[in-house]
Amino acid sequence: MTRIIDIAEKEILSKLGVFWSGEWQVPENELFASVFAWDRITMLGQTEFYSSEVYKDKTLNELAEIVLLDAGVEEYQIDLSDTIIPYAYFEPVSHREALRIIVEAGLGRAYCNRDGVVIVERVAEEPVVANLTPNDYKSKNNPTNWQSVYNRIIVETQPLRPQPQELVYEDLDPVSISGQQVKVIYFNKEPCINPVANLIGDGTITDEQWFSWGGSITIEGVGSYQLEVEAEPLEVVNRQRATRSDSISIQENGELTLRFGSNPLIQTLAQAQDMAEVLLATYKDSRRDVELDWRGDPRIKLGDKISVTDKYESSEYMITYNNLEYDGTLKEKTKGRKT
């Protein structure tokens, strides 16, 4: 699923990315100015996704597109998962948090590339883009991350099921009205589907907008009224757990359990089992990751795979951290996770 404005004809602000400036610092007695800037992913954390409906039988790809379009993002690529979620909803959260929940359920990643395009994708095997030797780096460290070893994985489902229709909102006292009024209500239970509003007294409902958490109702009239709303609440019913373990790792390290956090988009056992298997393969063995202090290469991006060779061995790593400095010469600090 791709929708990209033709950025080939646009001026790219920097080969390192497209950013929005924030705080400027301009010292009076200095010959320089500095600025903090953020990419599109960071900007998504500053806007709210409050208009979530209850989305029925949507894929994770479709949900990601809904969130990005609501945030006004026009340049994106989505290739996360065609897994269908029976009932998906979001409480009022930032667009970034909504996107995080989706990506987590698909065991993927979301980032902004150097052209300013938001990429949402499942992590896949990547080719090596650079081979580094002792001639390229000043220092190298291979820390062993024992804290990240897990050999028993538990993923719990959150299956939502509609319940019988019930009263989910009511005005306790009459509400005065003279003309047109827009009323925002919040359900006593959430999320809810199939809401039906009933107006008692003076007035007419002229417009309704419903969300997972409540609604916005336009009422016209003169006098007073009381509003009632009935709907079908969605509740988690028949939770299931997918458990995967590795006997060899347990024998070597003892039993180390990772309970995957509650994610409302993990609703089927098949989805949970797939996630448990991927997580077990990722975390069952200790990894000797890499930290490099080297001369740097701006062409290497987060998520790229590099090969690092020392006098003992050659290993491959996925880049998880880059810090570039330029003071007349280029320096870079890089961290990578062993693949």
C-alpha atoms as a PDB file:
ATOM      1  CA  MET A   1       0.000   0.000   0.000  1.00  0.00           C
ATOM      2  CA  THR A   2       1.693   3.205  -1.147  1.00  0.00           C
ATOM      3  CA  ARG A   3       0.616   6.782  -1.488  1.00  0.00           C
ATOM      4  CA  ILE A   4       3.515   9.178  -2.131  1.00  0.00           C
ATOM      5  CA  ILE A   5       3.438  12.678  -3.519  1.00  0.00           C
ATOM      6  CA  ASP A   6       6.106  13.002  -6.183  1.00  0.00           C
ATOM      7  CA  ILE A   7       8.995  14.066  -4.006  1.00  0.00           C
ATOM      8  CA  ALA A   8      11.516  13.632  -6.812  1.00  0.00           C
ATOM      9  CA  GLU A   9      10.644  17.151  -7.971  1.00  0.00           C
ATOM     10  CA  LYS A  10      10.798  18.609  -4.466  1.00  0.00           C
ATOM     11  CA  GLU A  11      13.839  20.209  -2.924  1.00  0.00           C
ATOM     12  CA  ILE A  12      15.130  17.905  -0.179  1.00  0.00           C
ATOM     13  CA  LEU A  13      16.350  20.020   2.739  1.00  0.00           C
ATOM     14  CA  SER A  14      19.136  17.690   3.736  1.00  0.00           C
ATOM     15  CA  LYS A  15      20.548  14.329   2.735  1.00  0.00           C
ATOM     16  CA  LEU A  16      20.211  13.332   6.369  1.00  0.00           C
ATOM     17  CA  GLY A  17      16.459  13.903   6.360  1.00  0.00           C
ATOM     18  CA  VAL A  18      13.559  16.358   6.315  1.00  0.00           C
ATOM     19  CA  PHE A  19      13.046  18.171   9.621  1.00  0.00           C
ATOM     20  CA  TRP A  20      10.882  20.848  11.251  1.00  0.00           C
ATOM     21  CA  SER A  21      12.758  23.437  13.269  1.00  0.00           C
ATOM     22  CA  GLY A  22      11.952  24.089  16.907  1.00  0.00           C
ATOM     23  CA  GLU A  23      14.018  25.974  19.450  1.00  0.00           C
ATOM     24  CA  TRP A  24      16.708  28.296  18.098  1.00  0.00           C
ATOM     25  CA  GLN A  25      19.739  29.438  20.094  1.00  0.00           C
ATOM     26  CA  VAL A  26      21.567  32.547  18.868  1.00  0.00           C
ATOM     27  CA  PRO A  27      24.258  33.614  21.395  1.00  0.00           C
ATOM     28  CA  GLU A  28      25.118  37.321  21.085  1.00  0.00           C
ATOM     29  CA  ASN A  29      28.875  36.874  21.451  1.00  0.00           C
ATOM     30  CA  GLU A  30      29.228  33.856  19.175  1.00  0.00           C
ATOM     31  CA  LEU A  31      29.541  33.430  15.426  1.00  0.00           C
ATOM     32  CA  PHE A  32      27.096  30.539  15.230  1.00  0.00           C
ATOM     33  CA  ALA A  33      23.456  29.688  15.763  1.00  0.00           C
ATOM     34  CA  SER A  34      22.001  26.317  16.635  1.00  0.00           C
ATOM     35  CA  VAL A  35      18.557  24.791  16.215  1.00  0.00           C
ATOM     36  CA  PHE A  36      16.735  21.702  17.434  1.00  0.00           C
ATOM     37  CA  ALA A  37      14.690  19.986  14.725  1.00  0.00           C
ATOM     38  CA  TRP A  38      12.364  17.001  14.553  1.00  0.00           C
ATOM     39  CA  ASP A  39      11.296  14.632  11.807  1.00  0.00           C
ATOM     40  CA  ARG A  40       7.727  13.641  10.956  1.00  0.00           C
ATOM     41  CA  ILE A  41       7.610  10.732  13.436  1.00  0.00           C
ATOM     42  CA  THR A  42       8.392  13.073  16.334  1.00  0.00           C
ATOM     43  CA  MET A  43       5.797  15.558  15.062  1.00  0.00           C
ATOM     44  CA  LEU A  44       3.162  12.806  15.186  1.00  0.00           C
ATOM     45  CA  GLY A  45       3.622  12.794  18.957  1.00  0.00           C
ATOM     46  CA  GLN A  46       2.311  16.371  19.144  1.00  0.00           C
ATOM     47  CA  THR A  47      -1.097  15.798  17.523  1.00  0.00           C
ATOM     48  CA  GLU A  48      -4.037  13.831  18.940  1.00  0.00           C
ATOM     49  CA  PHE A  49      -5.927  10.973  17.319  1.00  0.00           C
ATOM     50  CA  TYR A  50      -9.286  11.435  19.023  1.00  0.00           C
ATOM     51  CA  SER A  51     -11.658  10.583  16.144  1.00  0.00           C
ATOM     52  CA  SER A  52     -11.181   6.817  16.312  1.00  0.00           C
ATOM     53  CA  GLU A  53     -14.212   4.764  15.434  1.00  0.00           C
ATOM     54  CA  VAL A  54     -14.530   1.063  16.117  1.00  0.00           C
ATOM     55  CA  TYR A  55     -13.042  -0.361  12.926  1.00  0.00           C
ATOM     56  CA  LYS A  56     -14.385  -3.790  11.976  1.00  0.00           C
ATOM     57  CA  ASP A  57     -12.307  -6.331  10.022  1.00  0.00           C
ATOM     58  CA  LYS A  58      -9.504  -3.921   9.124  1.00  0.00           C
ATOM     59  CA  THR A  59      -5.938  -5.045   8.422  1.00  0.00           C
ATOM     60  CA  LEU A  60      -2.981  -3.551  10.266  1.00  0.00           C
ATOM     61  CA  ASN A  61      -1.996  -1.907   6.971  1.00  0.00           C
ATOM     62  CA  GLU A  62      -5.405  -0.225   6.719  1.00  0.00           C
ATOM     63  CA  LEU A  63      -5.310   0.915  10.350  1.00  0.00           C
ATOM     64  CA  ALA A  64      -1.873   2.491   9.853  1.00  0.00           C
ATOM     65  CA  GLU A  65      -3.169   4.387   6.835  1.00  0.00           C
ATOM     66  CA  ILE A  66      -6.212   5.631   8.789  1.00  0.00           C
ATOM     67  CA  VAL A  67      -3.948   7.061  11.502  1.00  0.00           C
ATOM     68  CA  LEU A  68      -1.519   8.704   9.075  1.00  0.00           C
ATOM     69  CA  LEU A  69      -4.279  10.290   6.991  1.00  0.00           C
ATOM     70  CA  ASP A  70      -5.952  11.621  10.140  1.00  0.00           C
ATOM     71  CA  ALA A  71      -2.611  13.243  11.047  1.00  0.00           C
ATOM     72  CA  GLY A  72      -2.404  14.894   7.624  1.00  0.00           C
ATOM     73  CA  VAL A  73       0.552  12.784   6.443  1.00  0.00           C
ATOM     74  CA  GLU A  74       0.539  12.606   2.650  1.00  0.00           C
ATOM     75  CA  GLU A  75       3.835  10.838   1.998  1.00  0.00           C
ATOM     76  CA  TYR A  76       4.020   7.292   3.322  1.00  0.00           C
ATOM     77  CA  GLN A  77       4.715   3.656   2.490  1.00  0.00           C
ATOM     78  CA  ILE A  78       2.950   0.856   4.364  1.00  0.00           C
ATOM     79  CA  ASP A  79       3.837  -2.817   4.149  1.00  0.00           C
ATOM     80  CA  LEU A  80       3.309  -4.122   7.664  1.00  0.00           C
ATOM     81  CA  SER A  81       0.742  -6.929   7.756  1.00  0.00           C
ATOM     82  CA  ASP A  82      -2.490  -8.084   6.145  1.00  0.00           C
ATOM     83  CA  THR A  83      -3.601  -9.590   9.475  1.00  0.00           C
ATOM     84  CA  ILE A  84      -7.281  -8.759   9.940  1.00  0.00           C
ATOM     85  CA  ILE A  85      -8.296  -7.340  13.313  1.00  0.00           C
ATOM     86  CA  PRO A  86     -11.965  -8.160  14.102  1.00  0.00           C
ATOM     87  CA  TYR A  87     -12.589  -5.024  16.185  1.00  0.00           C
ATOM     88  CA  ALA A  88      -9.978  -2.273  16.385  1.00  0.00           C
ATOM     89  CA  TYR A  89     -10.227   0.964  18.313  1.00  0.00           C
ATOM     90  CA  PHE A  90      -8.016   3.588  19.937  1.00  0.00           C
ATOM     91  CA  GLU A  91      -8.566   5.695  22.991  1.00  0.00           C
ATOM     92  CA  PRO A  92      -7.704   9.387  22.474  1.00  0.00           C
ATOM     93  CA  VAL A  93      -3.911   9.239  22.123  1.00  0.00           C
ATOM     94  CA  SER A  94      -1.267  10.923  20.001  1.00  0.00           C
ATOM     95  CA  HIS A  95      -0.974   9.800  16.399  1.00  0.00           C
ATOM     96  CA  ARG A  96       2.483   8.485  17.233  1.00  0.00           C
ATOM     97  CA  GLU A  97       1.139   6.320  20.074  1.00  0.00           C
ATOM     98  CA  ALA A  98      -1.657   4.955  17.857  1.00  0.00           C
ATOM     99  CA  LEU A  99       0.940   4.094  15.214  1.00  0.00           C
ATOM    100  CA  ARG A 100       3.141   2.442  17.861  1.00  0.00           C
ATOM    101  CA  ILE A 101       0.282   0.176  18.952  1.00  0.00           C
ATOM    102  CA  ILE A 102      -0.299  -0.890  15.334  1.00  0.00           C
ATOM    103  CA  VAL A 103       3.385  -1.503  14.633  1.00  0.00           C
ATOM    104  CA  GLU A 104       3.776  -3.478  17.869  1.00  0.00           C
ATOM    105  CA  ALA A 105       0.891  -5.758  16.902  1.00  0.00           C
ATOM    106  CA  GLY A 106       2.605  -6.409  13.576  1.00  0.00           C
ATOM    107  CA  LEU A 107       6.125  -6.815  15.012  1.00  0.00           C
ATOM    108  CA  GLY A 108       7.287  -4.105  12.674  1.00  0.00           C
ATOM    109  CA  ARG A 109       8.842  -0.671  12.727  1.00  0.00           C
ATOM    110  CA  ALA A 110       7.888   2.866  11.778  1.00  0.00           C
ATOM    111  CA  TYR A 111      10.345   5.591  10.867  1.00  0.00           C
ATOM    112  CA  CYS A 112      10.822   8.596   8.638  1.00  0.00           C
ATOM    113  CA  ASN A 113      13.261   8.153   5.768  1.00  0.00           C
ATOM    114  CA  ARG A 114      15.597  10.821   4.458  1.00  0.00           C
ATOM    115  CA  ASP A 115      13.037  12.076   1.949  1.00  0.00           C
ATOM    116  CA  GLY A 116      10.519  12.749   4.723  1.00  0.00           C
ATOM    117  CA  VAL A 117       8.400   9.703   3.857  1.00  0.00           C
ATOM    118  CA  VAL A 118       6.905   7.781   6.792  1.00  0.00           C
ATOM    119  CA  ILE A 119       7.745   4.070   6.434  1.00  0.00           C
ATOM    120  CA  VAL A 120       5.645   1.446   8.233  1.00  0.00           C
ATOM    121  CA  GLU A 121       6.931  -2.062   7.628  1.00  0.00           C
ATOM    122  CA  ARG A 122       7.664  -5.454   9.070  1.00  0.00           C
ATOM    123  CA  VAL A 123      11.348  -6.001   9.838  1.00  0.00           C
ATOM    124  CA  ALA A 124      12.889  -8.065   7.031  1.00  0.00           C
ATOM    125  CA  GLU A 125      16.290  -9.445   6.203  1.00  0.00           C
ATOM    126  CA  GLU A 126      18.418  -6.685   4.699  1.00  0.00           C
ATOM    127  CA  PRO A 127      21.625  -6.875   2.626  1.00  0.00           C
ATOM    128  CA  VAL A 128      24.928  -5.675   4.081  1.00  0.00           C
ATOM    129  CA  VAL A 129      25.571  -2.080   3.000  1.00  0.00           C
ATOM    130  CA  ALA A 130      29.084  -1.627   4.435  1.00  0.00           C
ATOM    131  CA  ASN A 131      32.003  -3.766   5.566  1.00  0.00           C
ATOM    132  CA  LEU A 132      34.027  -2.128   8.357  1.00  0.00           C
ATOM    133  CA  THR A 133      37.531  -3.224   9.346  1.00  0.00           C
ATOM    134  CA  PRO A 134      39.968  -1.961  12.033  1.00  0.00           C
ATOM    135  CA  ASN A 135      41.140   0.599   9.466  1.00  0.00           C
ATOM    136  CA  ASP A 136      37.685   2.228   9.636  1.00  0.00           C
ATOM    137  CA  TYR A 137      37.097   2.479  13.383  1.00  0.00           C
ATOM    138  CA  LYS A 138      38.945   4.005  16.315  1.00  0.00           C
ATOM    139  CA  SER A 139      37.487   1.726  18.961  1.00  0.00           C
ATOM    140  CA  LYS A 140      35.048  -1.203  19.130  1.00  0.00           C
ATOM    141  CA  ASN A 141      33.154  -2.754  22.023  1.00  0.00           C
ATOM    142  CA  ASN A 142      31.007  -5.883  22.003  1.00  0.00           C
ATOM    143  CA  PRO A 143      28.808  -5.774  25.125  1.00  0.00           C
ATOM    144  CA  THR A 144      26.913  -8.929  26.052  1.00  0.00           C
ATOM    145  CA  ASN A 145      23.277  -8.106  26.699  1.00  0.00           C
ATOM    146  CA  TRP A 146      22.245 -10.813  29.165  1.00  0.00           C
ATOM    147  CA  GLN A 147      19.362  -8.627  30.330  1.00  0.00           C
ATOM    148  CA  SER A 148      17.683  -9.077  26.942  1.00  0.00           C
ATOM    149  CA  VAL A 149      17.654 -12.892  26.980  1.00  0.00           C
ATOM    150  CA  TYR A 150      14.187 -14.472  27.174  1.00  0.00           C
ATOM    151  CA  ASN A 151      13.553 -18.144  26.515  1.00  0.00           C
ATOM    152  CA  ARG A 152       9.872 -18.357  27.436  1.00  0.00           C
ATOM    153  CA  ILE A 153       7.485 -16.028  25.617  1.00  0.00           C
ATOM    154  CA  ILE A 154       3.847 -15.428  26.564  1.00  0.00           C
ATOM    155  CA  VAL A 155       1.544 -13.432  24.285  1.00  0.00           C
ATOM    156  CA  GLU A 156      -2.041 -12.912  25.444  1.00  0.00           C
ATOM    157  CA  THR A 157      -4.966 -12.195  23.146  1.00  0.00           C
ATOM    158  CA  GLN A 158      -7.557  -9.479  23.729  1.00  0.00           C
ATOM    159  CA  PRO A 159     -10.599 -10.741  21.754  1.00  0.00           C
ATOM    160  CA  LEU A 160     -13.419  -8.198  21.709  1.00  0.00           C
ATOM    161  CA  ARG A 161     -17.024  -9.342  21.474  1.00  0.00           C
ATOM    162  CA  PRO A 162     -20.224  -7.228  21.227  1.00  0.00           C
ATOM    163  CA  GLN A 163     -22.497  -7.363  24.273  1.00  0.00           C
ATOM    164  CA  PRO A 164     -26.283  -6.806  24.368  1.00  0.00           C
ATOM    165  CA  GLN A 165     -27.415  -3.239  23.820  1.00  0.00           C
ATOM    166  CA  GLU A 166     -27.655  -1.163  26.989  1.00  0.00           C
ATOM    167  CA  LEU A 167     -27.882   2.419  28.180  1.00  0.00           C
ATOM    168  CA  VAL A 168     -24.375   3.890  27.934  1.00  0.00           C
ATOM    169  CA  TYR A 169     -25.184   7.588  28.419  1.00  0.00           C
ATOM    170  CA  GLU A 170     -28.024   9.682  29.873  1.00  0.00           C
ATOM    171  CA  ASP A 171     -28.556  13.283  30.941  1.00  0.00           C
ATOM    172  CA  LEU A 172     -29.418  13.200  34.626  1.00  0.00           C
ATOM    173  CA  ASP A 173     -31.018  16.663  34.526  1.00  0.00           C
ATOM    174  CA  PRO A 174     -32.842  18.575  31.761  1.00  0.00           C
ATOM    175  CA  VAL A 175     -30.560  20.614  29.486  1.00  0.00           C
ATOM    176  CA  SER A 176     -31.711  24.059  28.356  1.00  0.00           C
ATOM    177  CA  ILE A 177     -31.507  24.877  24.652  1.00  0.00           C
ATOM    178  CA  SER A 178     -32.201  27.964  22.537  1.00  0.00           C
ATOM    179  CA  GLY A 179     -31.184  27.440  18.928  1.00  0.00           C
ATOM    180  CA  GLN A 180     -28.439  25.060  17.902  1.00  0.00           C
ATOM    181  CA  GLN A 181     -26.196  23.161  20.334  1.00  0.00           C
ATOM    182  CA  VAL A 182     -23.305  20.756  19.777  1.00  0.00           C
ATOM    183  CA  LYS A 183     -23.123  18.246  22.596  1.00  0.00           C
ATOM    184  CA  VAL A 184     -20.085  16.004  23.194  1.00  0.00           C
ATOM    185  CA  ILE A 185     -20.830  12.892  25.235  1.00  0.00           C
ATOM    186  CA  TYR A 186     -18.702  10.090  26.676  1.00  0.00           C
ATOM    187  CA  PHE A 187     -19.920   6.514  26.975  1.00  0.00           C
ATOM    188  CA  ASN A 188     -20.049   4.937  30.448  1.00  0.00           C
ATOM    189  CA  LYS A 189     -18.417   1.905  28.827  1.00  0.00           C
ATOM    190  CA  GLU A 190     -15.983   1.937  25.944  1.00  0.00           C
ATOM    191  CA  PRO A 191     -15.574   1.022  23.223  1.00  0.00           C
ATOM    192  CA  CYS A 192     -19.138   0.800  21.929  1.00  0.00           C
ATOM    193  CA  ILE A 193     -20.689   0.048  18.548  1.00  0.00           C
ATOM    194  CA  ASN A 194     -24.081   0.732  16.960  1.00  0.00           C
ATOM    195  CA  PRO A 195     -25.082   3.709  19.161  1.00  0.00           C
ATOM    196  CA  VAL A 196     -28.687   4.949  19.016  1.00  0.00           C
ATOM    197  CA  ALA A 197     -29.548   8.391  20.430  1.00  0.00           C
ATOM    198  CA  ASN A 198     -32.979   9.230  21.809  1.00  0.00           C
ATOM    199  CA  LEU A 199     -33.996  12.821  22.632  1.00  0.00           C
ATOM    200  CA  ILE A 200     -36.711  13.389  25.245  1.00  0.00           C
ATOM    201  CA  GLY A 201     -38.298  16.860  25.347  1.00  0.00           C
ATOM    202  CA  ASP A 202     -37.821  19.897  23.115  1.00  0.00           C
ATOM    203  CA  GLY A 203     -35.390  19.611  20.238  1.00  0.00           C
ATOM    204  CA  THR A 204     -34.326  17.616  17.204  1.00  0.00           C
ATOM    205  CA  ILE A 205     -31.064  15.808  16.469  1.00  0.00           C
ATOM    206  CA  THR A 206     -29.721  17.174  13.166  1.00  0.00           C
ATOM    207  CA  ASP A 207     -26.267  15.557  13.065  1.00  0.00           C
ATOM    208  CA  GLU A 208     -24.414  12.700  14.763  1.00  0.00           C
ATOM    209  CA  GLN A 209     -20.735  11.751  14.792  1.00  0.00           C
ATOM    210  CA  TRP A 210     -19.802   8.628  16.708  1.00  0.00           C
ATOM    211  CA  PHE A 211     -16.448   7.486  17.996  1.00  0.00           C
ATOM    212  CA  SER A 212     -15.313   4.490  20.034  1.00  0.00           C
ATOM    213  CA  TRP A 213     -15.435   6.545  23.238  1.00  0.00           C
ATOM    214  CA  GLY A 214     -18.535   8.712  22.669  1.00  0.00           C
ATOM    215  CA  GLY A 215     -19.936  11.121  20.151  1.00  0.00           C
ATOM    216  CA  SER A 216     -20.660  14.645  18.972  1.00  0.00           C
ATOM    217  CA  ILE A 217     -24.379  15.373  18.533  1.00  0.00           C
ATOM    218  CA  THR A 218     -25.910  18.502  17.042  1.00  0.00           C
ATOM    219  CA  ILE A 219     -29.293  19.432  18.520  1.00  0.00           C
ATOM    220  CA  GLU A 220     -31.670  22.223  17.479  1.00  0.00           C
ATOM    221  CA  GLY A 221     -34.663  23.478  19.440  1.00  0.00           C
ATOM    222  CA  VAL A 222     -36.033  25.829  22.100  1.00  0.00           C
ATOM    223  CA  GLY A 223     -36.796  24.673  25.630  1.00  0.00           C
ATOM    224  CA  SER A 224     -35.135  21.750  27.397  1.00  0.00           C
ATOM    225  CA  TYR A 225     -34.315  18.118  26.678  1.00  0.00           C
ATOM    226  CA  GLN A 226     -32.691  14.990  28.059  1.00  0.00           C
ATOM    227  CA  LEU A 227     -30.508  12.773  25.889  1.00  0.00           C
ATOM    228  CA  GLU A 228     -30.189   9.005  26.162  1.00  0.00           C
ATOM    229  CA  VAL A 229     -27.846   6.784  24.165  1.00  0.00           C
ATOM    230  CA  GLU A 230     -27.991   3.023  23.895  1.00  0.00           C
ATOM    231  CA  ALA A 231     -25.178   1.010  22.313  1.00  0.00           C
ATOM    232  CA  GLU A 232     -23.467  -2.382  22.260  1.00  0.00           C
ATOM    233  CA  PRO A 233     -20.314  -2.369  24.438  1.00  0.00           C
ATOM    234  CA  LEU A 234     -17.329  -4.388  23.290  1.00  0.00           C
ATOM    235  CA  GLU A 235     -15.753  -6.488  26.025  1.00  0.00           C
ATOM    236  CA  VAL A 236     -12.749  -8.802  26.145  1.00  0.00           C
ATOM    237  CA  VAL A 237     -14.112 -12.355  26.214  1.00  0.00           C
ATOM    238  CA  ASN A 238     -12.202 -15.673  26.341  1.00  0.00           C
ATOM    239  CA  ARG A 239      -8.609 -14.500  26.552  1.00  0.00           C
ATOM    240  CA  GLN A 240      -6.076 -17.008  25.261  1.00  0.00           C
ATOM    241  CA  ARG A 241      -2.326 -17.326  25.696  1.00  0.00           C
ATOM    242  CA  ALA A 242       0.272 -18.377  23.179  1.00  0.00           C
ATOM    243  CA  THR A 243       3.374 -19.734  24.924  1.00  0.00           C
ATOM    244  CA  ARG A 244       6.641 -20.672  23.249  1.00  0.00           C
ATOM    245  CA  SER A 245       9.877 -21.752  24.968  1.00  0.00           C
ATOM    246  CA  ASP A 246      13.350 -23.034  24.081  1.00  0.00           C
ATOM    247  CA  SER A 247      14.598 -25.927  26.195  1.00  0.00           C
ATOM    248  CA  ILE A 248      18.289 -25.483  25.292  1.00  0.00           C
ATOM    249  CA  SER A 249      18.314 -21.816  26.302  1.00  0.00           C
ATOM    250  CA  ILE A 250      16.422 -22.647  29.513  1.00  0.00           C
ATOM    251  CA  GLN A 251      19.011 -25.301  30.369  1.00  0.00           C
ATOM    252  CA  GLU A 252      21.871 -22.855  29.794  1.00  0.00           C
ATOM    253  CA  ASN A 253      20.387 -19.687  31.311  1.00  0.00           C
ATOM    254  CA  GLY A 254      17.484 -20.755  33.500  1.00  0.00           C
ATOM    255  CA  GLU A 255      13.898 -19.879  32.672  1.00  0.00           C
ATOM    256  CA  LEU A 256      13.576 -16.223  31.648  1.00  0.00           C
ATOM    257  CA  THR A 257      10.016 -15.179  30.797  1.00  0.00           C
ATOM    258  CA  LEU A 258       8.855 -12.300  28.646  1.00  0.00           C
ATOM    259  CA  ARG A 259       5.162 -11.461  28.964  1.00  0.00           C
ATOM    260  CA  PHE A 260       4.219  -9.414  25.954  1.00  0.00           C
ATOM    261  CA  GLY A 261       2.349  -6.283  27.026  1.00  0.00           C
ATOM    262  CA  SER A 262      -1.409  -6.085  26.620  1.00  0.00           C
ATOM    263  CA  ASN A 263      -2.113  -4.840  23.100  1.00  0.00           C
ATOM    264  CA  PRO A 264      -5.783  -4.373  22.084  1.00  0.00           C
ATOM    265  CA  LEU A 265      -4.976  -5.278  18.468  1.00  0.00           C
ATOM    266  CA  ILE A 266      -3.823  -8.809  19.322  1.00  0.00           C
ATOM    267  CA  GLN A 267      -7.174 -10.550  19.138  1.00  0.00           C
ATOM    268  CA  THR A 268      -6.675 -14.015  17.621  1.00  0.00           C
ATOM    269  CA  LEU A 269      -4.681 -17.012  18.830  1.00  0.00           C
ATOM    270  CA  ALA A 270      -3.032 -17.465  15.437  1.00  0.00           C
ATOM    271  CA  GLN A 271      -1.708 -13.898  15.570  1.00  0.00           C
ATOM    272  CA  ALA A 272      -0.420 -14.406  19.128  1.00  0.00           C
ATOM    273  CA  GLN A 273       1.291 -17.686  18.190  1.00  0.00           C
ATOM    274  CA  ASP A 274       3.065 -16.065  15.248  1.00  0.00           C
ATOM    275  CA  MET A 275       4.285 -13.239  17.468  1.00  0.00           C
ATOM    276  CA  ALA A 276       5.490 -15.636  20.181  1.00  0.00           C
ATOM    277  CA  GLU A 277       7.541 -17.639  17.683  1.00  0.00           C
ATOM    278  CA  VAL A 278       9.200 -14.533  16.223  1.00  0.00           C
ATOM    279  CA  LEU A 279       9.963 -13.099  19.664  1.00  0.00           C
ATOM    280  CA  LEU A 280      11.428 -16.388  20.891  1.00  0.00           C
ATOM    281  CA  ALA A 281      13.750 -16.640  17.890  1.00  0.00           C
ATOM    282  CA  THR A 282      14.873 -13.064  18.552  1.00  0.00           C
ATOM    283  CA  TYR A 283      15.475 -13.234  22.316  1.00  0.00           C
ATOM    284  CA  LYS A 284      16.348 -16.843  23.245  1.00  0.00           C
ATOM    285  CA  ASP A 285      20.138 -16.419  22.840  1.00  0.00           C
ATOM    286  CA  SER A 286      22.484 -13.825  24.309  1.00  0.00           C
ATOM    287  CA  ARG A 287      23.866 -11.369  21.780  1.00  0.00           C
ATOM    288  CA  ARG A 288      27.182  -9.626  21.641  1.00  0.00           C
ATOM    289  CA  ASP A 289      26.140  -6.343  20.083  1.00  0.00           C
ATOM    290  CA  VAL A 290      28.538  -3.681  18.834  1.00  0.00           C
ATOM    291  CA  GLU A 291      29.487  -0.119  19.751  1.00  0.00           C
ATOM    292  CA  LEU A 292      31.780   1.724  17.355  1.00  0.00           C
ATOM    293  CA  ASP A 293      33.655   5.005  17.521  1.00  0.00           C
ATOM    294  CA  TRP A 294      34.705   5.553  13.916  1.00  0.00           C
ATOM    295  CA  ARG A 295      35.200   8.061  11.139  1.00  0.00           C
ATOM    296  CA  GLY A 296      31.590   7.699   9.994  1.00  0.00           C
ATOM    297  CA  ASP A 297      29.590   7.576   6.782  1.00  0.00           C
ATOM    298  CA  PRO A 298      26.410   9.681   6.424  1.00  0.00           C
ATOM    299  CA  ARG A 299      25.068   7.228   3.851  1.00  0.00           C
ATOM    300  CA  ILE A 300      24.555   4.544   6.527  1.00  0.00           C
ATOM    301  CA  LYS A 301      21.082   4.804   8.062  1.00  0.00           C
ATOM    302  CA  LEU A 302      19.250   3.379  11.047  1.00  0.00           C
ATOM    303  CA  GLY A 303      18.074  -0.130  10.223  1.00  0.00           C
ATOM    304  CA  ASP A 304      20.895  -0.758   7.747  1.00  0.00           C
ATOM    305  CA  LYS A 305      22.979  -3.890   8.138  1.00  0.00           C
ATOM    306  CA  ILE A 306      26.746  -3.625   8.392  1.00  0.00           C
ATOM    307  CA  SER A 307      29.549  -6.159   8.708  1.00  0.00           C
ATOM    308  CA  VAL A 308      32.272  -5.481  11.290  1.00  0.00           C
ATOM    309  CA  THR A 309      35.563  -7.382  11.168  1.00  0.00           C
ATOM    310  CA  ASP A 310      38.248  -7.547  13.847  1.00  0.00           C
ATOM    311  CA  LYS A 311      41.281  -9.818  14.169  1.00  0.00           C
ATOM    312  CA  TYR A 312      39.120 -12.654  15.516  1.00  0.00           C
ATOM    313  CA  GLU A 313      35.889 -12.698  13.523  1.00  0.00           C
ATOM    314  CA  SER A 314      33.438 -10.939  11.248  1.00  0.00           C
ATOM    315  CA  SER A 315      29.835 -10.368  12.361  1.00  0.00           C
ATOM    316  CA  GLU A 316      26.758  -8.628  10.998  1.00  0.00           C
ATOM    317  CA  TYR A 317      24.733  -6.011  12.878  1.00  0.00           C
ATOM    318  CA  MET A 318      21.621  -3.912  12.333  1.00  0.00           C
ATOM    319  CA  ILE A 319      22.209  -0.231  13.111  1.00  0.00           C
ATOM    320  CA  THR A 320      20.117   0.974  16.079  1.00  0.00           C
ATOM    321  CA  TYR A 321      21.894   4.255  16.935  1.00  0.00           C
ATOM    322  CA  ASN A 322      23.911   6.827  15.010  1.00  0.00           C
ATOM    323  CA  ASN A 323      25.444  10.050  16.370  1.00  0.00           C
ATOM    324  CA  LEU A 324      27.227  12.165  13.759  1.00  0.00           C
ATOM    325  CA  GLU A 325      29.524  15.056  14.685  1.00  0.00           C
ATOM    326  CA  TYR A 326      31.316  17.446  12.360  1.00  0.00           C
ATOM    327  CA  ASP A 327      33.918  19.945  13.562  1.00  0.00           C
ATOM    328  CA  GLY A 328      36.037  20.101  10.435  1.00  0.00           C
ATOM    329  CA  THR A 329      36.327  16.320  10.481  1.00  0.00           C
ATOM    330  CA  LEU A 330      33.538  13.754  10.593  1.00  0.00           C
ATOM    331  CA  LYS A 331      33.104  11.492  13.629  1.00  0.00           C
ATOM    332  CA  GLU A 332      30.389   8.978  14.311  1.00  0.00           C
ATOM    333  CA  LYS A 333      29.273   6.807  17.214  1.00  0.00           C
ATOM    334  CA  THR A 334      27.290   3.767  16.111  1.00  0.00           C
ATOM    335  CA  LYS A 335      25.485   0.995  17.962  1.00  0.00           C
ATOM    336  CA  GLY A 336      24.224  -2.182  16.330  1.00  0.00           C
ATOM    337  CA  ARG A 337      22.261  -5.305  17.248  1.00  0.00           C
ATOM    338  CA  LYS A 338      23.764  -8.594  16.144  1.00  0.00           C
ATOM    339  CA  THR A 339      21.695 -10.378  13.497  1.00  0.00           C
END
